[in-house]
């Protein structure tokens, strides 16, 4: 009877060992699968981060180029306006001198 109990216990222990082995194998598989998923997520996250940084750099460059272009256009317009003002001043100075030199205007005579 003791041999039957020992034999029954051995069977239970063998079944428990088999179940434990199966559980360990299943856990290893699940942990490996989770690890693979984490690695894939990390890889996608890094790729998305790189893409985002590249998009930001491109946007910053476009903004800098737009600012530089706008600044150049304003500088060109200001230079043109300055030239027009100088030309107008020269023209007005000539007219004033012509009017002052005109003997019929009587502006050159002092009392």
C-alpha atoms as a PDB file:
ATOM      1  CA  UNK A   1       0.000   0.000   0.000  1.00  0.00           C
ATOM      2  CA  UNK A   2       2.872   2.296   0.784  1.00  0.00           C
ATOM      3  CA  UNK A   3       4.342   1.448  -2.598  1.00  0.00           C
ATOM      4  CA  UNK A   4       1.050   2.444  -4.270  1.00  0.00           C
ATOM      5  CA  UNK A   5       1.058   5.756  -2.439  1.00  0.00           C
ATOM      6  CA  UNK A   6       4.708   6.382  -3.334  1.00  0.00           C
ATOM      7  CA  UNK A   7       3.971   5.380  -6.922  1.00  0.00           C
ATOM      8  CA  UNK A   8       0.935   7.707  -6.961  1.00  0.00           C
ATOM      9  CA  UNK A   9       3.053  10.504  -5.489  1.00  0.00           C
ATOM     10  CA  UNK A  10       5.724   9.935  -8.132  1.00  0.00           C
ATOM     11  CA  UNK A  11       3.062  10.223 -10.825  1.00  0.00           C
ATOM     12  CA  UNK A  12       1.748  13.439  -9.271  1.00  0.00           C
ATOM     13  CA  UNK A  13       5.283  14.839  -9.033  1.00  0.00           C
ATOM     14  CA  UNK A  14       5.994  13.816 -12.629  1.00  0.00           C
ATOM     15  CA  UNK A  15       2.743  15.465 -13.775  1.00  0.00           C
ATOM     16  CA  UNK A  16       3.583  18.590 -11.740  1.00  0.00           C
ATOM     17  CA  UNK A  17       7.069  18.668 -13.253  1.00  0.00           C
ATOM     18  CA  UNK A  18       5.588  18.331 -16.751  1.00  0.00           C
ATOM     19  CA  UNK A  19       3.055  21.071 -16.034  1.00  0.00           C
ATOM     20  CA  UNK A  20       5.798  23.315 -14.615  1.00  0.00           C
ATOM     21  CA  UNK A  21       7.963  22.655 -17.678  1.00  0.00           C
ATOM     22  CA  UNK A  22       5.056  23.497 -19.985  1.00  0.00           C
ATOM     23  CA  UNK A  23       4.301  26.681 -18.018  1.00  0.00           C
ATOM     24  CA  UNK A  24       7.969  27.723 -18.132  1.00  0.00           C
ATOM     25  CA  UNK A  25       8.066  27.123 -21.889  1.00  0.00           C
ATOM     26  CA  UNK A  26       4.833  29.079 -22.376  1.00  0.00           C
ATOM     27  CA  UNK A  27       6.112  31.944 -20.200  1.00  0.00           C
ATOM     28  CA  UNK A  28       9.385  32.078 -22.123  1.00  0.00           C
ATOM     29  CA  UNK A  29       7.419  32.250 -25.364  1.00  0.00           C
ATOM     30  CA  UNK A  30       5.128  34.999 -24.060  1.00  0.00           C
ATOM     31  CA  UNK A  31       8.055  36.981 -22.630  1.00  0.00           C
ATOM     32  CA  UNK A  32       9.891  36.622 -25.945  1.00  0.00           C
ATOM     33  CA  UNK A  33       6.781  37.789 -27.827  1.00  0.00           C
ATOM     34  CA  UNK A  34       6.363  40.771 -25.507  1.00  0.00           C
ATOM     35  CA  UNK A  35      10.033  41.618 -25.898  1.00  0.00           C
ATOM     36  CA  UNK A  36       9.679  41.490 -29.696  1.00  0.00           C
ATOM     37  CA  UNK A  37       6.640  43.781 -29.529  1.00  0.00           C
ATOM     38  CA  UNK A  38       8.497  46.231 -27.287  1.00  0.00           C
ATOM     39  CA  UNK A  39      11.443  46.218 -29.699  1.00  0.00           C
ATOM     40  CA  UNK A  40       9.110  46.874 -32.645  1.00  0.00           C
ATOM     41  CA  UNK A  41       7.398  49.729 -30.799  1.00  0.00           C
ATOM     42  CA  UNK A  42      10.783  51.192 -29.853  1.00  0.00           C
ATOM     43  CA  UNK A  43      11.946  50.979 -33.461  1.00  0.00           C
ATOM     44  CA  UNK A  44       8.791  52.706 -34.737  1.00  0.00           C
ATOM     45  CA  UNK A  45       9.079  55.339 -32.018  1.00  0.00           C
ATOM     46  CA  UNK A  46      12.681  56.096 -32.982  1.00  0.00           C
ATOM     47  CA  UNK A  47      11.739  56.284 -36.666  1.00  0.00           C
ATOM     48  CA  UNK A  48       8.828  58.610 -35.875  1.00  0.00           C
ATOM     49  CA  UNK A  49      11.087  60.764 -33.702  1.00  0.00           C
ATOM     50  CA  UNK A  50      13.647  61.004 -36.508  1.00  0.00           C
ATOM     51  CA  UNK A  51      10.955  61.880 -39.026  1.00  0.00           C
ATOM     52  CA  UNK A  52       9.556  64.535 -36.681  1.00  0.00           C
ATOM     53  CA  UNK A  53      12.995  66.083 -36.142  1.00  0.00           C
ATOM     54  CA  UNK A  54      13.623  66.147 -39.897  1.00  0.00           C
ATOM     55  CA  UNK A  55      10.235  67.790 -40.514  1.00  0.00           C
ATOM     56  CA  UNK A  56      10.973  70.380 -37.834  1.00  0.00           C
ATOM     57  CA  UNK A  57      14.393  71.142 -39.332  1.00  0.00           C
ATOM     58  CA  UNK A  58      12.837  71.534 -42.772  1.00  0.00           C
ATOM     59  CA  UNK A  59      10.113  73.828 -41.407  1.00  0.00           C
ATOM     60  CA  UNK A  60      12.708  75.910 -39.536  1.00  0.00           C
ATOM     61  CA  UNK A  61      14.797  76.217 -42.720  1.00  0.00           C
ATOM     62  CA  UNK A  62      11.749  77.268 -44.721  1.00  0.00           C
ATOM     63  CA  UNK A  63      10.875  79.903 -42.107  1.00  0.00           C
ATOM     64  CA  UNK A  64      14.469  81.211 -42.066  1.00  0.00           C
ATOM     65  CA  UNK A  65      14.492  81.332 -45.880  1.00  0.00           C
ATOM     66  CA  UNK A  66      11.130  83.140 -45.902  1.00  0.00           C
ATOM     67  CA  UNK A  67      12.381  85.682 -43.358  1.00  0.00           C
ATOM     68  CA  UNK A  68      15.596  86.235 -45.318  1.00  0.00           C
ATOM     69  CA  UNK A  69      13.660  86.627 -48.572  1.00  0.00           C
ATOM     70  CA  UNK A  70      11.214  89.065 -46.980  1.00  0.00           C
ATOM     71  CA  UNK A  71      14.071  91.019 -45.433  1.00  0.00           C
ATOM     72  CA  UNK A  72      15.836  91.232 -48.803  1.00  0.00           C
ATOM     73  CA  UNK A  73      12.655  92.407 -50.518  1.00  0.00           C
ATOM     74  CA  UNK A  74      12.137  95.094 -47.870  1.00  0.00           C
ATOM     75  CA  UNK A  75      15.774  96.188 -48.177  1.00  0.00           C
ATOM     76  CA  UNK A  76      15.381  96.410 -51.957  1.00  0.00           C
ATOM     77  CA  UNK A  77      12.188  98.438 -51.607  1.00  0.00           C
ATOM     78  CA  UNK A  78      13.790 100.784 -49.058  1.00  0.00           C
ATOM     79  CA  UNK A  79      16.803 101.271 -51.348  1.00  0.00           C
ATOM     80  CA  UNK A  80      14.448 102.079 -54.221  1.00  0.00           C
ATOM     81  CA  UNK A  81      12.466 104.548 -52.087  1.00  0.00           C
ATOM     82  CA  UNK A  82      15.695 106.168 -50.876  1.00  0.00           C
ATOM     83  CA  UNK A  83      16.835 106.552 -54.504  1.00  0.00           C
ATOM     84  CA  UNK A  84      13.501 108.078 -55.471  1.00  0.00           C
ATOM     85  CA  UNK A  85      13.679 110.521 -52.534  1.00  0.00           C
ATOM     86  CA  UNK A  86      17.223 111.538 -53.492  1.00  0.00           C
ATOM     87  CA  UNK A  87      16.165 112.045 -57.126  1.00  0.00           C
ATOM     88  CA  UNK A  88      13.174 114.120 -55.995  1.00  0.00           C
ATOM     89  CA  UNK A  89      15.378 116.225 -53.690  1.00  0.00           C
ATOM     90  CA  UNK A  90      17.802 116.854 -56.569  1.00  0.00           C
ATOM     91  CA  UNK A  91      14.941 117.806 -58.867  1.00  0.00           C
ATOM     92  CA  UNK A  92      13.431 120.164 -56.277  1.00  0.00           C
ATOM     93  CA  UNK A  93      16.854 121.712 -55.538  1.00  0.00           C
ATOM     94  CA  UNK A  94      17.323 122.400 -59.277  1.00  0.00           C
ATOM     95  CA  UNK A  95      13.895 124.030 -59.524  1.00  0.00           C
ATOM     96  CA  UNK A  96      14.593 126.167 -56.455  1.00  0.00           C
ATOM     97  CA  UNK A  97      17.976 127.248 -57.830  1.00  0.00           C
ATOM     98  CA  UNK A  98      16.411 128.012 -61.207  1.00  0.00           C
ATOM     99  CA  UNK A  99      13.698 130.077 -59.521  1.00  0.00           C
ATOM    100  CA  UNK A 100      16.258 131.955 -57.388  1.00  0.00           C
ATOM    101  CA  UNK A 101      18.456 132.670 -60.408  1.00  0.00           C
ATOM    102  CA  UNK A 102      15.559 134.002 -62.469  1.00  0.00           C
ATOM    103  CA  UNK A 103      15.939 137.808 -62.643  1.00  0.00           C
ATOM    104  CA  UNK A 104      12.231 138.226 -63.269  1.00  0.00           C
ATOM    105  CA  UNK A 105      11.387 136.571 -59.946  1.00  0.00           C
ATOM    106  CA  UNK A 106      13.158 139.338 -58.045  1.00  0.00           C
ATOM    107  CA  UNK A 107      14.007 136.916 -55.316  1.00  0.00           C
ATOM    108  CA  UNK A 108      17.742 137.408 -55.627  1.00  0.00           C
ATOM    109  CA  UNK A 109      17.557 141.119 -54.801  1.00  0.00           C
ATOM    110  CA  UNK A 110      17.987 142.055 -51.231  1.00  0.00           C
ATOM    111  CA  UNK A 111      16.785 145.331 -49.773  1.00  0.00           C
END
